[in-house]
């Protein structure tokens, strides 16, 4: 008793009917992928501001982008928080160092004419 079973392998790629949209959900609405550009930019500028905080511009832009990312990108909240923290600390350090240099210069001003 020999039985021969014939099985057909499924086609590797099924063709869509003509006029059908491929990759669109049944409801017809397309969900946009989550964007996390602001939070990544804030984090990168936070890391860069460690080396370039004396410019005062880099930490300010990173801080603004981080705050915008907290409001617009809830999925990448952690990166945005780290960007805000790094940029805020470096901005505060820049302000303190600038004020210290200004005070030191004013204190030493009378001795400049001796």
PDB file of N, CA and C in Angstrom:
ATOM      1  N   UNK A   1       0.823  -1.126   0.000  1.00  0.00           N
ATOM      2  CA  UNK A   1       0.000   0.000   0.000  1.00  0.00           C
ATOM      3  C   UNK A   1       0.899   1.230   0.000  1.00  0.00           C
ATOM      4  N   UNK A   2       0.907   1.857  -1.041  1.00  0.00           N
ATOM      5  CA  UNK A   2       1.672   3.079  -1.240  1.00  0.00           C
ATOM      6  C   UNK A   2       0.713   4.223  -1.508  1.00  0.00           C
ATOM      7  N   UNK A   3       0.929   5.228  -0.717  1.00  0.00           N
ATOM      8  CA  UNK A   3       0.136   6.433  -0.951  1.00  0.00           C
ATOM      9  C   UNK A   3       1.093   7.554  -1.296  1.00  0.00           C
ATOM     10  N   UNK A   4       0.744   8.236  -2.230  1.00  0.00           N
ATOM     11  CA  UNK A   4       1.556   9.392  -2.624  1.00  0.00           C
ATOM     12  C   UNK A   4       0.767  10.643  -2.307  1.00  0.00           C
ATOM     13  N   UNK A   5       1.357  11.413  -1.466  1.00  0.00           N
ATOM     14  CA  UNK A   5       0.710  12.671  -1.104  1.00  0.00           C
ATOM     15  C   UNK A   5       1.422  13.787  -1.826  1.00  0.00           C
ATOM     16  N   UNK A   6       0.682  14.555  -2.468  1.00  0.00           N
ATOM     17  CA  UNK A   6       1.259  15.697  -3.164  1.00  0.00           C
ATOM     18  C   UNK A   6       0.905  16.952  -2.377  1.00  0.00           C
ATOM     19  N   UNK A   7       1.944  17.666  -2.033  1.00  0.00           N
ATOM     20  CA  UNK A   7       1.724  18.936  -1.337  1.00  0.00           C
ATOM     21  C   UNK A   7       2.274  20.045  -2.217  1.00  0.00           C
ATOM     22  N   UNK A   8       1.600  21.105  -2.176  1.00  0.00           N
ATOM     23  CA  UNK A   8       2.073  22.260  -2.943  1.00  0.00           C
ATOM     24  C   UNK A   8       2.630  23.277  -1.959  1.00  0.00           C
ATOM     25  N   UNK A   9       3.794  23.770  -2.268  1.00  0.00           N
ATOM     26  CA  UNK A   9       4.428  24.778  -1.425  1.00  0.00           C
ATOM     27  C   UNK A   9       3.746  26.120  -1.653  1.00  0.00           C
ATOM     28  N   UNK A  10       3.586  26.887  -0.593  1.00  0.00           N
ATOM     29  CA  UNK A  10       2.964  28.201  -0.781  1.00  0.00           C
ATOM     30  C   UNK A  10       3.874  29.117  -1.597  1.00  0.00           C
ATOM     31  N   UNK A  11       3.247  29.988  -2.318  1.00  0.00           N
ATOM     32  CA  UNK A  11       4.010  30.933  -3.126  1.00  0.00           C
ATOM     33  C   UNK A  11       4.755  31.888  -2.199  1.00  0.00           C
ATOM     34  N   UNK A  12       6.032  32.141  -2.483  1.00  0.00           N
ATOM     35  CA  UNK A  12       6.795  33.008  -1.579  1.00  0.00           C
ATOM     36  C   UNK A  12       6.284  34.444  -1.546  1.00  0.00           C
ATOM     37  N   UNK A  13       5.803  34.940  -2.634  1.00  0.00           N
ATOM     38  CA  UNK A  13       5.287  36.298  -2.682  1.00  0.00           C
ATOM     39  C   UNK A  13       3.927  36.264  -3.352  1.00  0.00           C
ATOM     40  N   UNK A  14       2.941  36.659  -2.610  1.00  0.00           N
ATOM     41  CA  UNK A  14       1.598  36.702  -3.184  1.00  0.00           C
ATOM     42  C   UNK A  14       1.415  38.055  -3.868  1.00  0.00           C
ATOM     43  N   UNK A  15       0.814  38.020  -5.005  1.00  0.00           N
ATOM     44  CA  UNK A  15       0.590  39.255  -5.748  1.00  0.00           C
ATOM     45  C   UNK A  15      -0.698  39.909  -5.278  1.00  0.00           C
ATOM     46  N   UNK A  16      -0.650  41.199  -5.152  1.00  0.00           N
ATOM     47  CA  UNK A  16      -1.835  41.956  -4.764  1.00  0.00           C
ATOM     48  C   UNK A  16      -2.688  42.194  -5.997  1.00  0.00           C
ATOM     49  N   UNK A  17      -3.978  42.229  -5.814  1.00  0.00           N
ATOM     50  CA  UNK A  17      -4.835  42.514  -6.965  1.00  0.00           C
ATOM     51  C   UNK A  17      -4.566  43.921  -7.504  1.00  0.00           C
ATOM     52  N   UNK A  18      -4.867  44.118  -8.736  1.00  0.00           N
ATOM     53  CA  UNK A  18      -4.629  45.400  -9.380  1.00  0.00           C
ATOM     54  C   UNK A  18      -5.523  46.453  -8.721  1.00  0.00           C
ATOM     55  N   UNK A  19      -4.910  47.564  -8.366  1.00  0.00           N
ATOM     56  CA  UNK A  19      -5.666  48.658  -7.767  1.00  0.00           C
ATOM     57  C   UNK A  19      -5.705  48.603  -6.254  1.00  0.00           C
ATOM     58  N   UNK A  20      -5.213  47.527  -5.655  1.00  0.00           N
ATOM     59  CA  UNK A  20      -5.223  47.433  -4.194  1.00  0.00           C
ATOM     60  C   UNK A  20      -4.018  48.179  -3.637  1.00  0.00           C
ATOM     61  N   UNK A  21      -4.231  48.837  -2.543  1.00  0.00           N
ATOM     62  CA  UNK A  21      -3.124  49.542  -1.928  1.00  0.00           C
ATOM     63  C   UNK A  21      -2.400  48.586  -0.983  1.00  0.00           C
ATOM     64  N   UNK A  22      -1.093  48.570  -1.099  1.00  0.00           N
ATOM     65  CA  UNK A  22      -0.280  47.656  -0.311  1.00  0.00           C
ATOM     66  C   UNK A  22       0.302  48.416   0.877  1.00  0.00           C
ATOM     67  N   UNK A  23       0.211  47.857   2.044  1.00  0.00           N
ATOM     68  CA  UNK A  23       0.816  48.450   3.223  1.00  0.00           C
ATOM     69  C   UNK A  23      -0.066  49.433   3.959  1.00  0.00           C
ATOM     70  N   UNK A  24      -1.300  49.612   3.537  1.00  0.00           N
ATOM     71  CA  UNK A  24      -2.226  50.512   4.211  1.00  0.00           C
ATOM     72  C   UNK A  24      -3.186  49.661   5.027  1.00  0.00           C
ATOM     73  N   UNK A  25      -3.387  49.985   6.297  1.00  0.00           N
ATOM     74  CA  UNK A  25      -4.323  49.216   7.114  1.00  0.00           C
ATOM     75  C   UNK A  25      -5.735  49.257   6.546  1.00  0.00           C
ATOM     76  N   UNK A  26      -6.557  48.360   7.020  1.00  0.00           N
ATOM     77  CA  UNK A  26      -7.907  48.221   6.484  1.00  0.00           C
ATOM     78  C   UNK A  26      -8.736  49.484   6.675  1.00  0.00           C
ATOM     79  N   UNK A  27      -8.496  50.228   7.726  1.00  0.00           N
ATOM     80  CA  UNK A  27      -9.261  51.447   7.972  1.00  0.00           C
ATOM     81  C   UNK A  27      -8.933  52.558   6.990  1.00  0.00           C
ATOM     82  N   UNK A  28      -7.832  52.463   6.296  1.00  0.00           N
ATOM     83  CA  UNK A  28      -7.454  53.462   5.324  1.00  0.00           C
ATOM     84  C   UNK A  28      -6.581  54.570   5.883  1.00  0.00           C
ATOM     85  N   UNK A  29      -6.390  54.595   7.189  1.00  0.00           N
ATOM     86  CA  UNK A  29      -5.546  55.648   7.756  1.00  0.00           C
ATOM     87  C   UNK A  29      -4.140  55.109   7.954  1.00  0.00           C
ATOM     88  N   UNK A  30      -3.190  55.933   7.638  1.00  0.00           N
ATOM     89  CA  UNK A  30      -1.800  55.554   7.770  1.00  0.00           C
ATOM     90  C   UNK A  30      -1.255  56.185   9.047  1.00  0.00           C
ATOM     91  N   UNK A  31      -0.658  55.382   9.896  1.00  0.00           N
ATOM     92  CA  UNK A  31      -0.093  55.879  11.145  1.00  0.00           C
ATOM     93  C   UNK A  31       1.340  56.295  10.876  1.00  0.00           C
ATOM     94  N   UNK A  32       1.661  57.537  11.195  1.00  0.00           N
ATOM     95  CA  UNK A  32       3.009  58.043  10.973  1.00  0.00           C
ATOM     96  C   UNK A  32       3.948  57.447  12.019  1.00  0.00           C
ATOM     97  N   UNK A  33       5.174  57.119  11.624  1.00  0.00           N
ATOM     98  CA  UNK A  33       6.116  56.581  12.606  1.00  0.00           C
ATOM     99  C   UNK A  33       6.481  57.639  13.641  1.00  0.00           C
ATOM    100  N   UNK A  34       6.788  57.177  14.833  1.00  0.00           N
ATOM    101  CA  UNK A  34       7.130  58.106  15.915  1.00  0.00           C
ATOM    102  C   UNK A  34       8.435  58.825  15.586  1.00  0.00           C
ATOM    103  N   UNK A  35       8.414  60.113  15.718  1.00  0.00           N
ATOM    104  CA  UNK A  35       9.597  60.917  15.445  1.00  0.00           C
ATOM    105  C   UNK A  35      10.267  61.255  16.756  1.00  0.00           C
ATOM    106  N   UNK A  36      11.586  61.190  16.794  1.00  0.00           N
ATOM    107  CA  UNK A  36      12.304  61.564  18.006  1.00  0.00           C
ATOM    108  C   UNK A  36      13.504  62.428  17.666  1.00  0.00           C
ATOM    109  N   UNK A  37      13.357  63.274  16.672  1.00  0.00           N
ATOM    110  CA  UNK A  37      14.453  64.133  16.223  1.00  0.00           C
ATOM    111  C   UNK A  37      14.835  65.204  17.223  1.00  0.00           C
ATOM    112  N   UNK A  38      13.844  65.811  17.880  1.00  0.00           N
ATOM    113  CA  UNK A  38      14.144  66.860  18.854  1.00  0.00           C
ATOM    114  C   UNK A  38      14.908  66.297  20.048  1.00  0.00           C
ATOM    115  N   UNK A  39      14.481  65.137  20.526  1.00  0.00           N
ATOM    116  CA  UNK A  39      15.138  64.573  21.714  1.00  0.00           C
ATOM    117  C   UNK A  39      16.555  64.110  21.399  1.00  0.00           C
ATOM    118  N   UNK A  40      16.761  63.532  20.220  1.00  0.00           N
ATOM    119  CA  UNK A  40      18.112  63.127  19.827  1.00  0.00           C
ATOM    120  C   UNK A  40      19.000  64.360  19.674  1.00  0.00           C
ATOM    121  N   UNK A  41      18.466  65.401  19.059  1.00  0.00           N
ATOM    122  CA  UNK A  41      19.243  66.633  18.889  1.00  0.00           C
ATOM    123  C   UNK A  41      19.591  67.260  20.227  1.00  0.00           C
ATOM    124  N   UNK A  42      18.646  67.246  21.152  1.00  0.00           N
ATOM    125  CA  UNK A  42      18.911  67.802  22.474  1.00  0.00           C
ATOM    126  C   UNK A  42      19.985  67.010  23.205  1.00  0.00           C
ATOM    127  N   UNK A  43      19.912  65.679  23.113  1.00  0.00           N
ATOM    128  CA  UNK A  43      20.911  64.845  23.781  1.00  0.00           C
ATOM    129  C   UNK A  43      22.293  65.041  23.160  1.00  0.00           C
ATOM    130  N   UNK A  44      22.361  65.084  21.845  1.00  0.00           N
ATOM    131  CA  UNK A  44      23.648  65.287  21.171  1.00  0.00           C
ATOM    132  C   UNK A  44      24.224  66.663  21.520  1.00  0.00           C
ATOM    133  N   UNK A  45      23.377  67.688  21.514  1.00  0.00           N
ATOM    134  CA  UNK A  45      23.863  69.018  21.874  1.00  0.00           C
ATOM    135  C   UNK A  45      24.245  69.086  23.349  1.00  0.00           C
ATOM    136  N   UNK A  46      23.596  68.287  24.192  1.00  0.00           N
ATOM    137  CA  UNK A  46      23.992  68.214  25.589  1.00  0.00           C
ATOM    138  C   UNK A  46      25.374  67.629  25.753  1.00  0.00           C
ATOM    139  N   UNK A  47      25.674  66.602  24.975  1.00  0.00           N
ATOM    140  CA  UNK A  47      27.008  65.998  25.021  1.00  0.00           C
ATOM    141  C   UNK A  47      28.042  66.953  24.413  1.00  0.00           C
ATOM    142  N   UNK A  48      27.678  67.602  23.319  1.00  0.00           N
ATOM    143  CA  UNK A  48      28.590  68.555  22.688  1.00  0.00           C
ATOM    144  C   UNK A  48      28.825  69.757  23.595  1.00  0.00           C
ATOM    145  N   UNK A  49      27.800  70.142  24.355  1.00  0.00           N
ATOM    146  CA  UNK A  49      27.955  71.324  25.213  1.00  0.00           C
ATOM    147  C   UNK A  49      28.934  71.088  26.353  1.00  0.00           C
ATOM    148  N   UNK A  50      29.254  69.836  26.648  1.00  0.00           N
ATOM    149  CA  UNK A  50      30.296  69.565  27.632  1.00  0.00           C
ATOM    150  C   UNK A  50      31.620  70.141  27.136  1.00  0.00           C
ATOM    151  N   UNK A  51      31.853  70.057  25.843  1.00  0.00           N
ATOM    152  CA  UNK A  51      33.098  70.554  25.265  1.00  0.00           C
ATOM    153  C   UNK A  51      32.964  71.960  24.710  1.00  0.00           C
ATOM    154  N   UNK A  52      31.754  72.406  24.392  1.00  0.00           N
ATOM    155  CA  UNK A  52      31.571  73.708  23.754  1.00  0.00           C
ATOM    156  C   UNK A  52      30.594  74.580  24.528  1.00  0.00           C
ATOM    157  N   UNK A  53      30.554  74.444  25.848  1.00  0.00           N
ATOM    158  CA  UNK A  53      29.583  75.222  26.610  1.00  0.00           C
ATOM    159  C   UNK A  53      29.969  76.686  26.698  1.00  0.00           C
ATOM    160  N   UNK A  54      31.240  76.995  26.486  1.00  0.00           N
ATOM    161  CA  UNK A  54      31.677  78.383  26.551  1.00  0.00           C
ATOM    162  C   UNK A  54      31.075  79.223  25.443  1.00  0.00           C
ATOM    163  N   UNK A  55      30.492  78.598  24.435  1.00  0.00           N
ATOM    164  CA  UNK A  55      29.887  79.361  23.348  1.00  0.00           C
ATOM    165  C   UNK A  55      28.554  79.965  23.749  1.00  0.00           C
ATOM    166  N   UNK A  56      27.941  79.464  24.796  1.00  0.00           N
ATOM    167  CA  UNK A  56      26.655  79.909  25.320  1.00  0.00           C
ATOM    168  C   UNK A  56      25.525  79.617  24.346  1.00  0.00           C
ATOM    169  N   UNK A  57      25.822  79.415  23.083  1.00  0.00           N
ATOM    170  CA  UNK A  57      24.796  79.170  22.074  1.00  0.00           C
ATOM    171  C   UNK A  57      24.375  77.699  22.056  1.00  0.00           C
ATOM    172  N   UNK A  58      25.334  76.801  22.145  1.00  0.00           N
ATOM    173  CA  UNK A  58      25.044  75.365  22.050  1.00  0.00           C
ATOM    174  C   UNK A  58      24.133  74.894  23.184  1.00  0.00           C
ATOM    175  N   UNK A  59      24.420  75.222  24.449  1.00  0.00           N
ATOM    176  CA  UNK A  59      23.513  74.771  25.506  1.00  0.00           C
ATOM    177  C   UNK A  59      22.123  75.393  25.437  1.00  0.00           C
ATOM    178  N   UNK A  60      22.029  76.628  24.977  1.00  0.00           N
ATOM    179  CA  UNK A  60      20.717  77.268  24.880  1.00  0.00           C
ATOM    180  C   UNK A  60      19.860  76.564  23.831  1.00  0.00           C
ATOM    181  N   UNK A  61      20.434  76.283  22.670  1.00  0.00           N
ATOM    182  CA  UNK A  61      19.685  75.592  21.616  1.00  0.00           C
ATOM    183  C   UNK A  61      19.307  74.185  22.075  1.00  0.00           C
ATOM    184  N   UNK A  62      20.234  73.485  22.723  1.00  0.00           N
ATOM    185  CA  UNK A  62      19.931  72.145  23.221  1.00  0.00           C
ATOM    186  C   UNK A  62      18.849  72.149  24.273  1.00  0.00           C
ATOM    187  N   UNK A  63      18.839  73.154  25.124  1.00  0.00           N
ATOM    188  CA  UNK A  63      17.810  73.265  26.158  1.00  0.00           C
ATOM    189  C   UNK A  63      16.438  73.521  25.541  1.00  0.00           C
ATOM    190  N   UNK A  64      16.387  74.397  24.557  1.00  0.00           N
ATOM    191  CA  UNK A  64      15.123  74.684  23.877  1.00  0.00           C
ATOM    192  C   UNK A  64      14.608  73.439  23.158  1.00  0.00           C
ATOM    193  N   UNK A  65      15.488  72.729  22.453  1.00  0.00           N
ATOM    194  CA  UNK A  65      15.071  71.515  21.754  1.00  0.00           C
ATOM    195  C   UNK A  65      14.602  70.442  22.736  1.00  0.00           C
ATOM    196  N   UNK A  66      15.261  70.344  23.885  1.00  0.00           N
ATOM    197  CA  UNK A  66      14.854  69.366  24.884  1.00  0.00           C
ATOM    198  C   UNK A  66      13.477  69.662  25.449  1.00  0.00           C
ATOM    199  N   UNK A  67      13.192  70.930  25.714  1.00  0.00           N
ATOM    200  CA  UNK A  67      11.871  71.303  26.229  1.00  0.00           C
ATOM    201  C   UNK A  67      10.799  71.062  25.166  1.00  0.00           C
ATOM    202  N   UNK A  68      11.116  71.364  23.912  1.00  0.00           N
ATOM    203  CA  UNK A  68      10.167  71.078  22.830  1.00  0.00           C
ATOM    204  C   UNK A  68       9.932  69.579  22.693  1.00  0.00           C
ATOM    205  N   UNK A  69      10.989  68.784  22.868  1.00  0.00           N
ATOM    206  CA  UNK A  69      10.851  67.336  22.753  1.00  0.00           C
ATOM    207  C   UNK A  69      10.001  66.764  23.876  1.00  0.00           C
ATOM    208  N   UNK A  70      10.090  67.333  25.066  1.00  0.00           N
ATOM    209  CA  UNK A  70       9.259  66.854  26.170  1.00  0.00           C
ATOM    210  C   UNK A  70       7.780  67.044  25.880  1.00  0.00           C
ATOM    211  N   UNK A  71       7.440  68.103  25.164  1.00  0.00           N
ATOM    212  CA  UNK A  71       6.037  68.368  24.853  1.00  0.00           C
ATOM    213  C   UNK A  71       5.550  67.598  23.630  1.00  0.00           C
ATOM    214  N   UNK A  72       6.423  67.391  22.650  1.00  0.00           N
ATOM    215  CA  UNK A  72       5.989  66.810  21.376  1.00  0.00           C
ATOM    216  C   UNK A  72       6.268  65.324  21.223  1.00  0.00           C
ATOM    217  N   UNK A  73       7.235  64.787  21.937  1.00  0.00           N
ATOM    218  CA  UNK A  73       7.662  63.405  21.722  1.00  0.00           C
ATOM    219  C   UNK A  73       7.629  62.611  23.027  1.00  0.00           C
ATOM    220  N   UNK A  74       6.468  62.118  23.410  1.00  0.00           N
ATOM    221  CA  UNK A  74       6.396  61.378  24.675  1.00  0.00           C
ATOM    222  C   UNK A  74       7.111  60.024  24.627  1.00  0.00           C
ATOM    223  N   UNK A  75       7.319  59.478  23.457  1.00  0.00           N
ATOM    224  CA  UNK A  75       7.970  58.168  23.351  1.00  0.00           C
ATOM    225  C   UNK A  75       9.459  58.242  23.665  1.00  0.00           C
ATOM    226  N   UNK A  76      10.077  59.361  23.428  1.00  0.00           N
ATOM    227  CA  UNK A  76      11.515  59.499  23.666  1.00  0.00           C
ATOM    228  C   UNK A  76      11.785  60.487  24.792  1.00  0.00           C
ATOM    229  N   UNK A  77      11.024  60.341  25.847  1.00  0.00           N
ATOM    230  CA  UNK A  77      11.099  61.253  26.990  1.00  0.00           C
ATOM    231  C   UNK A  77      12.441  61.178  27.710  1.00  0.00           C
ATOM    232  N   UNK A  78      13.021  59.988  27.806  1.00  0.00           N
ATOM    233  CA  UNK A  78      14.275  59.816  28.536  1.00  0.00           C
ATOM    234  C   UNK A  78      15.408  60.591  27.881  1.00  0.00           C
ATOM    235  N   UNK A  79      15.504  60.493  26.569  1.00  0.00           N
ATOM    236  CA  UNK A  79      16.554  61.244  25.865  1.00  0.00           C
ATOM    237  C   UNK A  79      16.354  62.741  26.022  1.00  0.00           C
ATOM    238  N   UNK A  80      15.100  63.180  25.979  1.00  0.00           N
ATOM    239  CA  UNK A  80      14.823  64.607  26.120  1.00  0.00           C
ATOM    240  C   UNK A  80      15.190  65.094  27.520  1.00  0.00           C
ATOM    241  N   UNK A  81      14.899  64.290  28.535  1.00  0.00           N
ATOM    242  CA  UNK A  81      15.242  64.685  29.905  1.00  0.00           C
ATOM    243  C   UNK A  81      16.756  64.779  30.070  1.00  0.00           C
ATOM    244  N   UNK A  82      17.484  63.799  29.539  1.00  0.00           N
ATOM    245  CA  UNK A  82      18.947  63.852  29.631  1.00  0.00           C
ATOM    246  C   UNK A  82      19.499  65.057  28.889  1.00  0.00           C
ATOM    247  N   UNK A  83      18.913  65.390  27.744  1.00  0.00           N
ATOM    248  CA  UNK A  83      19.346  66.572  27.009  1.00  0.00           C
ATOM    249  C   UNK A  83      19.106  67.848  27.794  1.00  0.00           C
ATOM    250  N   UNK A  84      17.934  67.949  28.437  1.00  0.00           N
ATOM    251  CA  UNK A  84      17.624  69.132  29.236  1.00  0.00           C
ATOM    252  C   UNK A  84      18.573  69.232  30.421  1.00  0.00           C
ATOM    253  N   UNK A  85      18.834  68.112  31.095  1.00  0.00           N
ATOM    254  CA  UNK A  85      19.726  68.125  32.262  1.00  0.00           C
ATOM    255  C   UNK A  85      21.145  68.529  31.858  1.00  0.00           C
ATOM    256  N   UNK A  86      21.692  67.877  30.824  1.00  0.00           N
ATOM    257  CA  UNK A  86      23.063  68.198  30.396  1.00  0.00           C
ATOM    258  C   UNK A  86      23.186  69.649  29.951  1.00  0.00           C
ATOM    259  N   UNK A  87      22.245  70.100  29.142  1.00  0.00           N
ATOM    260  CA  UNK A  87      22.315  71.478  28.653  1.00  0.00           C
ATOM    261  C   UNK A  87      22.089  72.476  29.777  1.00  0.00           C
ATOM    262  N   UNK A  88      21.190  72.173  30.695  1.00  0.00           N
ATOM    263  CA  UNK A  88      20.943  73.071  31.815  1.00  0.00           C
ATOM    264  C   UNK A  88      22.148  73.204  32.725  1.00  0.00           C
ATOM    265  N   UNK A  89      22.796  72.083  33.031  1.00  0.00           N
ATOM    266  CA  UNK A  89      23.987  72.113  33.893  1.00  0.00           C
ATOM    267  C   UNK A  89      25.112  72.880  33.213  1.00  0.00           C
ATOM    268  N   UNK A  90      25.337  72.623  31.936  1.00  0.00           N
ATOM    269  CA  UNK A  90      26.419  73.311  31.240  1.00  0.00           C
ATOM    270  C   UNK A  90      26.112  74.796  31.060  1.00  0.00           C
ATOM    271  N   UNK A  91      24.844  75.143  30.862  1.00  0.00           N
ATOM    272  CA  UNK A  91      24.478  76.553  30.751  1.00  0.00           C
ATOM    273  C   UNK A  91      24.680  77.264  32.091  1.00  0.00           C
ATOM    274  N   UNK A  92      24.289  76.611  33.179  1.00  0.00           N
ATOM    275  CA  UNK A  92      24.505  77.207  34.502  1.00  0.00           C
ATOM    276  C   UNK A  92      25.998  77.358  34.789  1.00  0.00           C
ATOM    277  N   UNK A  93      26.795  76.373  34.409  1.00  0.00           N
ATOM    278  CA  UNK A  93      28.240  76.467  34.589  1.00  0.00           C
ATOM    279  C   UNK A  93      28.847  77.597  33.786  1.00  0.00           C
ATOM    280  N   UNK A  94      28.362  77.795  32.593  1.00  0.00           N
ATOM    281  CA  UNK A  94      28.857  78.884  31.753  1.00  0.00           C
ATOM    282  C   UNK A  94      28.520  80.239  32.362  1.00  0.00           C
ATOM    283  N   UNK A  95      27.298  80.379  32.847  1.00  0.00           N
ATOM    284  CA  UNK A  95      26.886  81.640  33.457  1.00  0.00           C
ATOM    285  C   UNK A  95      27.706  81.913  34.719  1.00  0.00           C
ATOM    286  N   UNK A  96      27.910  80.890  35.549  1.00  0.00           N
ATOM    287  CA  UNK A  96      28.691  81.069  36.781  1.00  0.00           C
ATOM    288  C   UNK A  96      30.146  81.418  36.458  1.00  0.00           C
ATOM    289  N   UNK A  97      30.733  80.730  35.477  1.00  0.00           N
ATOM    290  CA  UNK A  97      32.123  81.028  35.104  1.00  0.00           C
ATOM    291  C   UNK A  97      32.255  82.431  34.530  1.00  0.00           C
ATOM    292  N   UNK A  98      31.290  82.860  33.735  1.00  0.00           N
ATOM    293  CA  UNK A  98      31.322  84.205  33.162  1.00  0.00           C
ATOM    294  C   UNK A  98      31.198  85.264  34.256  1.00  0.00           C
ATOM    295  N   UNK A  99      30.276  85.050  35.184  1.00  0.00           N
ATOM    296  CA  UNK A  99      30.125  86.010  36.283  1.00  0.00           C
ATOM    297  C   UNK A  99      31.371  86.030  37.172  1.00  0.00           C
ATOM    298  N   UNK A 100      31.983  84.863  37.406  1.00  0.00           N
ATOM    299  CA  UNK A 100      33.215  84.803  38.190  1.00  0.00           C
ATOM    300  C   UNK A 100      34.346  85.549  37.524  1.00  0.00           C
ATOM    301  N   UNK A 101      34.486  85.393  36.229  1.00  0.00           N
ATOM    302  CA  UNK A 101      35.535  86.109  35.497  1.00  0.00           C
ATOM    303  C   UNK A 101      35.279  87.617  35.520  1.00  0.00           C
ATOM    304  N   UNK A 102      34.014  87.996  35.423  1.00  0.00           N
ATOM    305  CA  UNK A 102      33.674  89.415  35.455  1.00  0.00           C
ATOM    306  C   UNK A 102      33.983  90.023  36.829  1.00  0.00           C
ATOM    307  N   UNK A 103      33.623  89.325  37.879  1.00  0.00           N
ATOM    308  CA  UNK A 103      33.903  89.815  39.228  1.00  0.00           C
ATOM    309  C   UNK A 103      35.407  89.878  39.469  1.00  0.00           C
ATOM    310  N   UNK A 104      36.128  88.857  39.057  1.00  0.00           N
ATOM    311  CA  UNK A 104      37.581  88.852  39.231  1.00  0.00           C
ATOM    312  C   UNK A 104      38.220  90.013  38.464  1.00  0.00           C
ATOM    313  N   UNK A 105      37.747  90.283  37.274  1.00  0.00           N
ATOM    314  CA  UNK A 105      38.271  91.398  36.490  1.00  0.00           C
ATOM    315  C   UNK A 105      37.990  92.729  37.142  1.00  0.00           C
ATOM    316  N   UNK A 106      36.799  92.885  37.720  1.00  0.00           N
ATOM    317  CA  UNK A 106      36.472  94.131  38.401  1.00  0.00           C
ATOM    318  C   UNK A 106      37.277  94.308  39.684  1.00  0.00           C
ATOM    319  N   UNK A 107      37.545  93.211  40.382  1.00  0.00           N
ATOM    320  CA  UNK A 107      38.342  93.294  41.606  1.00  0.00           C
ATOM    321  C   UNK A 107      39.781  93.651  41.271  1.00  0.00           C
ATOM    322  N   UNK A 108      40.308  93.145  40.195  1.00  0.00           N
ATOM    323  CA  UNK A 108      41.702  93.387  39.822  1.00  0.00           C
ATOM    324  C   UNK A 108      41.889  94.706  39.054  1.00  0.00           C
ATOM    325  N   UNK A 109      40.826  95.394  38.742  1.00  0.00           N
ATOM    326  CA  UNK A 109      40.910  96.619  37.953  1.00  0.00           C
ATOM    327  C   UNK A 109      41.769  97.704  38.622  1.00  0.00           C
ATOM    328  N   UNK A 110      41.666  97.940  39.917  1.00  0.00           N
ATOM    329  CA  UNK A 110      42.543  98.964  40.526  1.00  0.00           C
ATOM    330  C   UNK A 110      44.031  98.634  40.412  1.00  0.00           C
ATOM    331  N   UNK A 111      44.370  97.376  40.363  1.00  0.00           N
ATOM    332  CA  UNK A 111      45.771  97.001  40.284  1.00  0.00           C
ATOM    333  C   UNK A 111      46.316  97.069  38.859  1.00  0.00           C
ATOM    334  N   UNK A 112      45.483  97.327  37.893  1.00  0.00           N
ATOM    335  CA  UNK A 112      45.925  97.389  36.508  1.00  0.00           C
ATOM    336  C   UNK A 112      46.729  98.653  36.227  1.00  0.00           C
ATOM    337  N   UNK A 113      46.544  99.681  37.033  1.00  0.00           N
ATOM    338  CA  UNK A 113      47.220 100.956  36.780  1.00  0.00           C
ATOM    339  C   UNK A 113      48.422 101.181  37.681  1.00  0.00           C
ATOM    340  N   UNK A 114      48.888 100.189  38.387  1.00  0.00           N
ATOM    341  CA  UNK A 114      50.052 100.360  39.283  1.00  0.00           C
ATOM    342  C   UNK A 114      51.322 100.183  38.497  1.00  0.00           C
TER     343      UNK A 114
END
